[in-house]
C-alpha atoms as a PDB file:
ATOM      1  CA  MET A   1       0.049   0.010  -0.064  1.00  0.00           C
ATOM      2  CA  LYS A   2       2.604   2.387   1.217  1.00  0.00           C
ATOM      3  CA  LYS A   3       4.821   1.446  -2.220  1.00  0.00           C
ATOM      4  CA  GLN A   4       1.199   2.412  -4.264  1.00  0.00           C
ATOM      5  CA  PHE A   5       1.154   5.617  -2.373  1.00  0.00           C
ATOM      6  CA  LEU A   6       4.447   6.654  -3.625  1.00  0.00           C
ATOM      7  CA  LEU A   7       4.133   5.719  -6.835  1.00  0.00           C
ATOM      8  CA  SER A   8       1.193   7.592  -7.078  1.00  0.00           C
ATOM      9  CA  MET A   9       2.739  10.431  -5.630  1.00  0.00           C
ATOM     10  CA  LEU A  10       5.541  10.351  -8.073  1.00  0.00           C
ATOM     11  CA  SER A  11       3.092  10.225 -10.605  1.00  0.00           C
ATOM     12  CA  GLY A  12       1.500  13.244  -9.552  1.00  0.00           C
ATOM     13  CA  LEU A  13       4.420  15.304  -9.138  1.00  0.00           C
ATOM     14  CA  LEU A  14       5.902  14.182 -12.805  1.00  0.00           C
ATOM     15  CA  PHE A  15       2.404  15.378 -14.298  1.00  0.00           C
ATOM     16  CA  LEU A  16       2.545  18.721 -12.240  1.00  0.00           C
ATOM     17  CA  ASN A  17       6.021  18.943 -13.505  1.00  0.00           C
ATOM     18  CA  ALA A  18       4.777  18.731 -17.291  1.00  0.00           C
ATOM     19  CA  PHE A  19       2.002  20.512 -16.853  1.00  0.00           C
ATOM     20  CA  SER A  20       4.380  23.359 -15.628  1.00  0.00           C
ATOM     21  CA  GLN A  21       6.974  23.225 -18.187  1.00  0.00           C
ATOM     22  CA  SER A  22       4.416  23.152 -20.922  1.00  0.00           C
ATOM     23  CA  HIS A  23       3.009  26.867 -19.932  1.00  0.00           C
ATOM     24  CA  GLY A  24       4.540  29.975 -19.754  1.00  0.00           C
ATOM     25  CA  LYS A  25       4.639  32.313 -17.426  1.00  0.00           C
ATOM     26  CA  VAL A  26       2.087  35.761 -17.366  1.00  0.00           C
ATOM     27  CA  ILE A  27       3.047  39.208 -15.360  1.00  0.00           C
ATOM     28  CA  GLU A  28      -0.383  40.956 -15.787  1.00  0.00           C
ATOM     29  CA  THR A  29       1.365  44.450 -14.627  1.00  0.00           C
ATOM     30  CA  LEU A  30       4.630  45.717 -14.950  1.00  0.00           C
ATOM     31  CA  THR A  31       5.293  49.156 -14.900  1.00  0.00           C
ATOM     32  CA  ILE A  32       7.806  51.864 -16.370  1.00  0.00           C
ATOM     33  CA  GLN A  33       8.114  55.089 -15.536  1.00  0.00           C
ATOM     34  CA  SER A  34       8.304  57.466 -18.602  1.00  0.00           C
ATOM     35  CA  ALA A  35       9.851  60.563 -18.714  1.00  0.00           C
ATOM     36  CA  ILE A  36       8.682  61.584 -22.112  1.00  0.00           C
ATOM     37  CA  LEU A  37       4.828  60.664 -21.153  1.00  0.00           C
ATOM     38  CA  HIS A  38       5.452  62.138 -17.261  1.00  0.00           C
ATOM     39  CA  LYS A  39       3.435  59.111 -16.142  1.00  0.00           C
ATOM     40  CA  PRO A  40       3.993  55.464 -15.184  1.00  0.00           C
ATOM     41  CA  VAL A  41       2.820  53.205 -17.979  1.00  0.00           C
ATOM     42  CA  HIS A  42       1.811  49.708 -17.684  1.00  0.00           C
ATOM     43  CA  TYR A  43       2.425  46.357 -19.619  1.00  0.00           C
ATOM     44  CA  THR A  44       1.706  42.519 -19.644  1.00  0.00           C
ATOM     45  CA  LEU A  45       4.392  40.224 -20.286  1.00  0.00           C
ATOM     46  CA  TYR A  46       4.337  36.448 -21.801  1.00  0.00           C
ATOM     47  CA  LEU A  47       7.239  34.692 -21.125  1.00  0.00           C
ATOM     48  CA  PRO A  48       7.701  31.084 -22.727  1.00  0.00           C
ATOM     49  CA  ALA A  49       7.472  28.085 -20.524  1.00  0.00           C
ATOM     50  CA  ASP A  50      11.381  27.188 -20.768  1.00  0.00           C
ATOM     51  CA  TYR A  51      12.280  30.758 -20.111  1.00  0.00           C
ATOM     52  CA  GLU A  52      13.360  30.475 -16.403  1.00  0.00           C
ATOM     53  CA  SER A  53      14.615  27.019 -17.000  1.00  0.00           C
ATOM     54  CA  SER A  54      17.244  27.881 -20.037  1.00  0.00           C
ATOM     55  CA  SER A  55      19.615  30.700 -20.454  1.00  0.00           C
ATOM     56  CA  ARG A  56      18.916  31.429 -24.333  1.00  0.00           C
ATOM     57  CA  THR A  57      17.239  34.545 -25.910  1.00  0.00           C
ATOM     58  CA  TYR A  58      14.103  34.602 -27.526  1.00  0.00           C
ATOM     59  CA  PRO A  59      12.210  36.622 -30.234  1.00  0.00           C
ATOM     60  CA  VAL A  60       9.690  39.276 -29.469  1.00  0.00           C
ATOM     61  CA  VAL A  61       6.536  40.234 -30.304  1.00  0.00           C
ATOM     62  CA  TYR A  62       4.812  43.627 -29.226  1.00  0.00           C
ATOM     63  CA  LEU A  63       1.229  42.929 -29.197  1.00  0.00           C
ATOM     64  CA  LEU A  64      -0.777  46.269 -29.269  1.00  0.00           C
ATOM     65  CA  HIS A  65      -4.617  46.306 -28.015  1.00  0.00           C
ATOM     66  CA  GLY A  66      -7.552  48.239 -29.271  1.00  0.00           C
ATOM     67  CA  TYR A  67      -9.448  51.491 -28.354  1.00  0.00           C
ATOM     68  CA  THR A  68     -11.004  51.365 -24.900  1.00  0.00           C
ATOM     69  CA  ASP A  69      -8.925  48.483 -23.874  1.00  0.00           C
ATOM     70  CA  ASP A  70      -5.559  48.221 -21.767  1.00  0.00           C
ATOM     71  CA  ASN A  71      -2.452  46.348 -21.342  1.00  0.00           C
ATOM     72  CA  THR A  72      -4.434  43.328 -20.044  1.00  0.00           C
ATOM     73  CA  GLY A  73      -7.126  43.195 -22.972  1.00  0.00           C
ATOM     74  CA  TRP A  74      -5.049  40.406 -25.023  1.00  0.00           C
ATOM     75  CA  LEU A  75      -4.352  38.333 -21.593  1.00  0.00           C
ATOM     76  CA  GLN A  76      -8.183  38.952 -20.277  1.00  0.00           C
ATOM     77  CA  PHE A  77     -10.090  38.674 -23.319  1.00  0.00           C
ATOM     78  CA  GLY A  78      -7.893  37.306 -26.070  1.00  0.00           C
ATOM     79  CA  GLU A  79      -6.424  34.643 -23.879  1.00  0.00           C
ATOM     80  CA  ILE A  80      -3.080  35.164 -25.768  1.00  0.00           C
ATOM     81  CA  ASN A  81      -0.989  32.844 -22.982  1.00  0.00           C
ATOM     82  CA  ARG A  82      -3.604  29.724 -23.729  1.00  0.00           C
ATOM     83  CA  TYR A  83      -2.751  30.059 -27.262  1.00  0.00           C
ATOM     84  CA  ALA A  84       0.646  30.798 -27.211  1.00  0.00           C
ATOM     85  CA  ASP A  85       1.399  27.738 -25.121  1.00  0.00           C
ATOM     86  CA  LYS A  86      -0.562  25.390 -27.138  1.00  0.00           C
ATOM     87  CA  ALA A  87       1.003  26.870 -30.694  1.00  0.00           C
ATOM     88  CA  ILE A  88       4.716  26.677 -29.100  1.00  0.00           C
ATOM     89  CA  GLU A  89       4.043  22.974 -27.238  1.00  0.00           C
ATOM     90  CA  GLU A  90       2.642  22.086 -31.053  1.00  0.00           C
ATOM     91  CA  GLY A  91       5.601  23.708 -32.681  1.00  0.00           C
ATOM     92  CA  THR A  92       3.184  26.155 -34.636  1.00  0.00           C
ATOM     93  CA  ILE A  93       5.079  28.912 -33.519  1.00  0.00           C
ATOM     94  CA  PRO A  94       8.699  29.006 -32.060  1.00  0.00           C
ATOM     95  CA  PRO A  95       8.703  30.186 -28.525  1.00  0.00           C
ATOM     96  CA  MET A  96       8.997  34.014 -27.744  1.00  0.00           C
ATOM     97  CA  ILE A  97       8.178  36.310 -25.969  1.00  0.00           C
ATOM     98  CA  ILE A  98       5.406  38.539 -26.151  1.00  0.00           C
ATOM     99  CA  VAL A  99       4.982  42.165 -24.522  1.00  0.00           C
ATOM    100  CA  MET A 100       1.918  44.039 -24.239  1.00  0.00           C
ATOM    101  CA  PRO A 101       2.092  48.040 -23.149  1.00  0.00           C
ATOM    102  CA  ASN A 102      -0.848  50.054 -22.338  1.00  0.00           C
ATOM    103  CA  ALA A 103      -1.480  53.149 -24.892  1.00  0.00           C
ATOM    104  CA  ASP A 104      -4.575  54.494 -23.294  1.00  0.00           C
ATOM    105  CA  SER A 105      -6.528  55.914 -26.289  1.00  0.00           C
ATOM    106  CA  SER A 106      -3.015  57.457 -27.492  1.00  0.00           C
ATOM    107  CA  TRP A 107      -3.296  55.482 -31.055  1.00  0.00           C
ATOM    108  CA  TYR A 108       0.000  54.619 -30.646  1.00  0.00           C
ATOM    109  CA  ILE A 109       1.255  57.828 -31.991  1.00  0.00           C
ATOM    110  CA  ASN A 110       2.424  61.477 -31.241  1.00  0.00           C
ATOM    111  CA  SER A 111      -0.411  63.968 -30.524  1.00  0.00           C
ATOM    112  CA  TYR A 112      -0.470  66.831 -33.014  1.00  0.00           C
ATOM    113  CA  ASP A 113       0.201  69.406 -30.266  1.00  0.00           C
ATOM    114  CA  GLY A 114       3.181  67.035 -28.165  1.00  0.00           C
ATOM    115  CA  LYS A 115       1.071  66.584 -25.390  1.00  0.00           C
ATOM    116  CA  GLU A 116       0.892  63.033 -25.658  1.00  0.00           C
ATOM    117  CA  ASN A 117       4.084  61.447 -27.731  1.00  0.00           C
ATOM    118  CA  TYR A 118       3.491  57.603 -27.214  1.00  0.00           C
ATOM    119  CA  GLU A 119       5.367  56.876 -30.700  1.00  0.00           C
ATOM    120  CA  ASP A 120       8.731  58.578 -29.008  1.00  0.00           C
ATOM    121  CA  PHE A 121       8.003  56.903 -25.676  1.00  0.00           C
ATOM    122  CA  PHE A 122       7.555  53.600 -27.420  1.00  0.00           C
ATOM    123  CA  PHE A 123      10.604  53.742 -29.100  1.00  0.00           C
ATOM    124  CA  LYS A 124      12.812  55.756 -27.264  1.00  0.00           C
ATOM    125  CA  GLU A 125      12.095  54.542 -23.992  1.00  0.00           C
ATOM    126  CA  PHE A 126       9.672  51.604 -24.028  1.00  0.00           C
ATOM    127  CA  MET A 127      11.387  49.255 -26.480  1.00  0.00           C
ATOM    128  CA  PRO A 128      15.011  49.797 -25.476  1.00  0.00           C
ATOM    129  CA  THR A 129      13.968  49.341 -21.505  1.00  0.00           C
ATOM    130  CA  VAL A 130      12.362  45.916 -22.101  1.00  0.00           C
ATOM    131  CA  GLU A 131      14.677  44.663 -24.300  1.00  0.00           C
ATOM    132  CA  LYS A 132      17.338  45.185 -21.629  1.00  0.00           C
ATOM    133  CA  ASN A 133      15.775  43.585 -18.666  1.00  0.00           C
ATOM    134  CA  TYR A 134      14.538  40.333 -20.580  1.00  0.00           C
ATOM    135  CA  ARG A 135      16.468  37.659 -22.574  1.00  0.00           C
ATOM    136  CA  ILE A 136      15.513  39.012 -26.112  1.00  0.00           C
ATOM    137  CA  LYS A 137      17.390  38.896 -29.197  1.00  0.00           C
ATOM    138  CA  ALA A 138      17.494  42.465 -29.871  1.00  0.00           C
ATOM    139  CA  ASP A 139      17.684  42.419 -33.918  1.00  0.00           C
ATOM    140  CA  LYS A 140      15.316  43.169 -36.431  1.00  0.00           C
ATOM    141  CA  ARG A 141      15.171  39.546 -37.655  1.00  0.00           C
ATOM    142  CA  TYR A 142      13.382  38.804 -34.480  1.00  0.00           C
ATOM    143  CA  ARG A 143      11.022  41.398 -33.538  1.00  0.00           C
ATOM    144  CA  ALA A 144       7.829  42.011 -34.842  1.00  0.00           C
ATOM    145  CA  VAL A 145       4.981  43.934 -33.718  1.00  0.00           C
ATOM    146  CA  ALA A 146       0.819  42.991 -34.071  1.00  0.00           C
ATOM    147  CA  GLY A 147      -2.295  44.112 -32.844  1.00  0.00           C
ATOM    148  CA  LEU A 148      -6.036  44.759 -33.349  1.00  0.00           C
ATOM    149  CA  SER A 149      -7.897  47.633 -34.533  1.00  0.00           C
ATOM    150  CA  MET A 150      -6.533  50.473 -32.890  1.00  0.00           C
ATOM    151  CA  GLY A 151      -3.500  48.281 -32.340  1.00  0.00           C
ATOM    152  CA  GLY A 152      -3.844  47.229 -36.012  1.00  0.00           C
ATOM    153  CA  TYR A 153      -3.334  50.778 -36.986  1.00  0.00           C
ATOM    154  CA  GLY A 154      -0.323  51.138 -34.445  1.00  0.00           C
ATOM    155  CA  THR A 155       1.095  48.017 -36.021  1.00  0.00           C
ATOM    156  CA  LEU A 156       1.080  49.063 -39.532  1.00  0.00           C
ATOM    157  CA  ILE A 157       2.126  52.895 -38.528  1.00  0.00           C
ATOM    158  CA  TYR A 158       5.118  51.537 -36.761  1.00  0.00           C
ATOM    159  CA  ALA A 159       5.955  49.032 -39.487  1.00  0.00           C
ATOM    160  CA  LEU A 160       5.630  51.633 -42.321  1.00  0.00           C
ATOM    161  CA  LYS A 161       7.407  54.174 -40.373  1.00  0.00           C
ATOM    162  CA  HIS A 162      10.400  51.894 -39.253  1.00  0.00           C
ATOM    163  CA  PRO A 163      10.880  49.183 -41.305  1.00  0.00           C
ATOM    164  CA  GLU A 164      14.736  48.864 -39.824  1.00  0.00           C
ATOM    165  CA  LEU A 165      13.570  47.694 -36.634  1.00  0.00           C
ATOM    166  CA  PHE A 166      10.807  44.712 -37.492  1.00  0.00           C
ATOM    167  CA  ALA A 167      10.914  42.038 -39.262  1.00  0.00           C
ATOM    168  CA  ALA A 168       7.057  41.450 -39.733  1.00  0.00           C
ATOM    169  CA  ALA A 169       3.972  42.833 -38.766  1.00  0.00           C
ATOM    170  CA  ALA A 170       0.358  41.210 -38.443  1.00  0.00           C
ATOM    171  CA  PRO A 171      -2.494  43.802 -37.872  1.00  0.00           C
ATOM    172  CA  LEU A 172      -5.782  42.544 -37.460  1.00  0.00           C
ATOM    173  CA  SER A 173      -8.690  44.220 -38.010  1.00  0.00           C
ATOM    174  CA  ALA A 174      -6.848  47.394 -38.353  1.00  0.00           C
ATOM    175  CA  ALA A 175      -8.243  51.021 -38.110  1.00  0.00           C
ATOM    176  CA  VAL A 176      -7.344  52.013 -41.502  1.00  0.00           C
ATOM    177  CA  LEU A 177      -9.273  54.938 -42.611  1.00  0.00           C
ATOM    178  CA  ASP A 178      -9.088  56.979 -45.966  1.00  0.00           C
ATOM    179  CA  ASP A 179      -9.549  60.800 -46.377  1.00  0.00           C
ATOM    180  CA  ASP A 180     -13.557  60.663 -46.774  1.00  0.00           C
ATOM    181  CA  ALA A 181     -13.746  58.756 -43.428  1.00  0.00           C
ATOM    182  CA  ILE A 182     -11.759  61.251 -41.787  1.00  0.00           C
ATOM    183  CA  LYS A 183     -13.595  64.297 -43.721  1.00  0.00           C
ATOM    184  CA  ASN A 184     -17.046  62.752 -42.692  1.00  0.00           C
ATOM    185  CA  SER A 185     -16.307  61.671 -39.370  1.00  0.00           C
ATOM    186  CA  PRO A 186     -19.245  63.121 -37.113  1.00  0.00           C
ATOM    187  CA  GLU A 187     -18.435  66.092 -34.940  1.00  0.00           C
ATOM    188  CA  GLN A 188     -18.470  63.721 -31.700  1.00  0.00           C
ATOM    189  CA  SER A 189     -16.243  61.244 -32.952  1.00  0.00           C
ATOM    190  CA  TRP A 190     -13.885  63.965 -34.079  1.00  0.00           C
ATOM    191  CA  ALA A 191     -14.039  65.459 -30.634  1.00  0.00           C
ATOM    192  CA  ASN A 192     -13.875  62.336 -28.611  1.00  0.00           C
ATOM    193  CA  THR A 193     -11.173  60.324 -30.680  1.00  0.00           C
ATOM    194  CA  PHE A 194      -9.500  61.732 -33.490  1.00  0.00           C
ATOM    195  CA  GLY A 195      -9.018  65.569 -32.505  1.00  0.00           C
ATOM    196  CA  GLN A 196      -7.017  64.809 -29.811  1.00  0.00           C
ATOM    197  CA  LEU A 197      -4.740  63.194 -32.277  1.00  0.00           C
ATOM    198  CA  TYR A 198      -5.076  65.424 -35.430  1.00  0.00           C
ATOM    199  CA  GLY A 199      -6.314  68.937 -34.759  1.00  0.00           C
ATOM    200  CA  ARG A 200      -9.103  69.665 -32.210  1.00  0.00           C
ATOM    201  CA  GLY A 201     -12.197  71.503 -33.395  1.00  0.00           C
ATOM    202  CA  LEU A 202     -11.763  70.734 -37.047  1.00  0.00           C
ATOM    203  CA  LYS A 203     -14.290  70.332 -39.749  1.00  0.00           C
ATOM    204  CA  GLY A 204     -14.054  68.848 -43.631  1.00  0.00           C
ATOM    205  CA  GLU A 205     -11.377  69.391 -45.658  1.00  0.00           C
ATOM    206  CA  ASP A 206      -9.311  71.455 -42.918  1.00  0.00           C
ATOM    207  CA  ARG A 207      -8.990  67.844 -40.840  1.00  0.00           C
ATOM    208  CA  LEU A 208      -6.752  66.941 -43.785  1.00  0.00           C
ATOM    209  CA  ASN A 209      -3.785  68.573 -42.586  1.00  0.00           C
ATOM    210  CA  LYS A 210      -0.083  67.601 -41.824  1.00  0.00           C
ATOM    211  CA  SER A 211      -0.863  65.687 -38.539  1.00  0.00           C
ATOM    212  CA  TRP A 212      -3.363  63.456 -40.660  1.00  0.00           C
ATOM    213  CA  TYR A 213      -1.301  62.781 -43.328  1.00  0.00           C
ATOM    214  CA  ASP A 214       2.196  62.123 -41.263  1.00  0.00           C
ATOM    215  CA  ASN A 215      -0.010  59.343 -39.683  1.00  0.00           C
ATOM    216  CA  SER A 216      -2.197  58.014 -42.582  1.00  0.00           C
ATOM    217  CA  VAL A 217      -1.735  54.241 -43.235  1.00  0.00           C
ATOM    218  CA  LEU A 218      -2.689  55.083 -46.447  1.00  0.00           C
ATOM    219  CA  LYS A 219      -0.690  57.974 -47.144  1.00  0.00           C
ATOM    220  CA  LEU A 220       2.382  56.535 -46.280  1.00  0.00           C
ATOM    221  CA  VAL A 221       1.926  53.099 -48.503  1.00  0.00           C
ATOM    222  CA  ALA A 222       1.288  55.978 -51.162  1.00  0.00           C
ATOM    223  CA  GLU A 223       4.550  57.808 -50.614  1.00  0.00           C
ATOM    224  CA  LYS A 224       6.970  55.044 -49.426  1.00  0.00           C
ATOM    225  CA  SER A 225       8.943  53.124 -51.923  1.00  0.00           C
ATOM    226  CA  ALA A 226       8.066  49.678 -52.320  1.00  0.00           C
ATOM    227  CA  ASP A 227      11.661  48.545 -51.638  1.00  0.00           C
ATOM    228  CA  GLU A 228      11.569  49.928 -48.165  1.00  0.00           C
ATOM    229  CA  MET A 229       7.911  48.370 -47.471  1.00  0.00           C
ATOM    230  CA  LYS A 230       9.778  45.411 -48.757  1.00  0.00           C
ATOM    231  CA  LYS A 231      11.669  44.856 -45.518  1.00  0.00           C
ATOM    232  CA  VAL A 232       8.835  44.074 -43.298  1.00  0.00           C
ATOM    233  CA  ARG A 233       6.658  41.280 -44.131  1.00  0.00           C
ATOM    234  CA  TYR A 234       2.824  41.914 -43.512  1.00  0.00           C
ATOM    235  CA  TRP A 235      -0.204  39.761 -42.736  1.00  0.00           C
ATOM    236  CA  ILE A 236      -3.555  41.620 -43.000  1.00  0.00           C
ATOM    237  CA  ASP A 237      -6.466  39.913 -41.678  1.00  0.00           C
ATOM    238  CA  CYS A 238      -9.898  41.786 -41.334  1.00  0.00           C
ATOM    239  CA  GLY A 239     -13.738  40.020 -41.402  1.00  0.00           C
ATOM    240  CA  ASP A 240     -16.110  40.184 -44.063  1.00  0.00           C
ATOM    241  CA  ASP A 241     -18.894  41.698 -41.549  1.00  0.00           C
ATOM    242  CA  ASP A 242     -16.070  44.235 -40.124  1.00  0.00           C
ATOM    243  CA  PHE A 243     -16.858  48.105 -40.281  1.00  0.00           C
ATOM    244  CA  LEU A 244     -13.060  48.379 -41.123  1.00  0.00           C
ATOM    245  CA  THR A 245     -13.547  46.080 -43.806  1.00  0.00           C
ATOM    246  CA  LYS A 246     -13.123  48.973 -46.428  1.00  0.00           C
ATOM    247  CA  GLY A 247     -10.086  50.407 -45.351  1.00  0.00           C
ATOM    248  CA  ASN A 248      -8.406  46.846 -45.030  1.00  0.00           C
ATOM    249  CA  CYS A 249      -9.214  46.268 -49.082  1.00  0.00           C
ATOM    250  CA  GLU A 250      -7.601  49.613 -49.795  1.00  0.00           C
ATOM    251  CA  LEU A 251      -4.616  48.882 -48.248  1.00  0.00           C
ATOM    252  CA  HIS A 252      -4.790  45.483 -49.891  1.00  0.00           C
ATOM    253  CA  ILE A 253      -5.298  47.114 -53.429  1.00  0.00           C
ATOM    254  CA  ALA A 254      -2.266  49.895 -52.590  1.00  0.00           C
ATOM    255  CA  LEU A 255       0.223  47.230 -51.536  1.00  0.00           C
ATOM    256  CA  THR A 256      -0.552  45.218 -54.449  1.00  0.00           C
ATOM    257  CA  GLU A 257      -0.283  47.974 -57.055  1.00  0.00           C
ATOM    258  CA  LYS A 258       2.883  48.456 -55.598  1.00  0.00           C
ATOM    259  CA  ARG A 259       4.208  45.176 -55.891  1.00  0.00           C
ATOM    260  CA  VAL A 260       4.635  44.713 -52.094  1.00  0.00           C
ATOM    261  CA  PRO A 261       4.284  40.857 -51.004  1.00  0.00           C
ATOM    262  CA  HIS A 262       1.874  40.661 -48.214  1.00  0.00           C
ATOM    263  CA  GLU A 263      -1.016  38.176 -46.898  1.00  0.00           C
ATOM    264  CA  PHE A 264      -4.246  39.640 -47.184  1.00  0.00           C
ATOM    265  CA  ARG A 265      -7.187  37.486 -45.312  1.00  0.00           C
ATOM    266  CA  VAL A 266     -10.671  38.170 -44.968  1.00  0.00           C
ATOM    267  CA  ARG A 267     -12.636  35.406 -42.863  1.00  0.00           C
ATOM    268  CA  ASP A 268     -16.141  35.004 -41.822  1.00  0.00           C
ATOM    269  CA  GLY A 269     -16.305  37.325 -39.085  1.00  0.00           C
ATOM    270  CA  ALA A 270     -16.945  41.022 -37.413  1.00  0.00           C
ATOM    271  CA  HIS A 271     -15.126  43.082 -35.204  1.00  0.00           C
ATOM    272  CA  THR A 272     -15.207  40.939 -31.723  1.00  0.00           C
ATOM    273  CA  TRP A 273     -12.851  39.150 -29.672  1.00  0.00           C
ATOM    274  CA  THR A 274     -14.162  35.865 -31.177  1.00  0.00           C
ATOM    275  CA  TYR A 275     -12.448  36.840 -34.570  1.00  0.00           C
ATOM    276  CA  TRP A 276      -9.144  37.749 -33.136  1.00  0.00           C
ATOM    277  CA  ARG A 277      -9.066  34.849 -31.044  1.00  0.00           C
ATOM    278  CA  THR A 278      -9.564  33.021 -34.137  1.00  0.00           C
ATOM    279  CA  GLY A 279      -7.232  34.854 -35.845  1.00  0.00           C
ATOM    280  CA  ILE A 280      -4.094  34.953 -33.646  1.00  0.00           C
ATOM    281  CA  VAL A 281      -2.295  31.969 -33.863  1.00  0.00           C
ATOM    282  CA  ASN A 282      -2.284  32.259 -37.733  1.00  0.00           C
ATOM    283  CA  ALA A 283      -0.913  35.561 -37.198  1.00  0.00           C
ATOM    284  CA  LEU A 284       1.877  34.703 -35.181  1.00  0.00           C
ATOM    285  CA  ASN A 285       2.579  31.442 -37.033  1.00  0.00           C
ATOM    286  CA  PHE A 286       3.232  34.154 -40.152  1.00  0.00           C
ATOM    287  CA  ILE A 287       5.830  36.197 -37.545  1.00  0.00           C
ATOM    288  CA  GLY A 288       7.391  32.828 -36.450  1.00  0.00           C
ATOM    289  CA  ASP A 289       8.296  31.858 -39.925  1.00  0.00           C
ATOM    290  CA  SER A 290       9.802  35.149 -40.174  1.00  0.00           C
ATOM    291  CA  PHE A 291      12.258  34.517 -37.251  1.00  0.00           C
ATOM    292  CA  ARG A 292      13.094  30.903 -38.640  1.00  0.00           C
ATOM    293  CA  GLN A 293      16.078  30.773 -40.623  1.00  0.00           C
ATOM    294  CA  LYS A 294      15.412  29.724 -44.278  1.00  0.00           C
END
């Protein structure tokens, strides 16, 4: 009986050990004090299962949240740790560190009036600090950016403006807007969302100013050279019932016309967490292929 009990205990410990080894570590709230933003900024971190038992360095994905969410969105609603654990264990994606910063409603850019320079914070403070504090391969070949909605917009903006820093970009349901959408945005939407970014109190054609064009995905694609854009691999995914489908299709056409290779997916679905949860592993798989040696 005693021998049987000991065997049962041993089996249980082995099971728990195997279980823990296949699950990554999540730190839900970490903080960096920003001199640029003059405030503390929270972020969430996913470390692969073997991080604490190895001395290796890892590729990194900066995973950006959507409008009205925060750094915990991809964890709480997207269940990113569960999907990443399973995909790593099955070999669908390589082990990677996933970093999820809080961006509030900054849209990941510098505001027109200089009051919230989030883009400067991300590249001058946040990314260097994270890559110094964790065993990250701080090299373009092993760095990617992804995100949903507002975070999809940030993904495209960062990849288009800084192609020397990212191997791949995977925007899901990205907030890609054309000039007509900006001109015709209801005054309330402009006041609550876009005015703080591109200029308060503007109407009609006046909204199509330098601040907008400096941060318009479609304008950046039109102005950038194909060779420059080819430095980043793009995965673009948007649901057929999403209100942002038009802008994503326009982006696909613009990239196609400039002969910039990219993957474009329109799946059944809308602007929902169900859609993003079912798409994130494919996006990470695409990104993971960028990290692997050919």
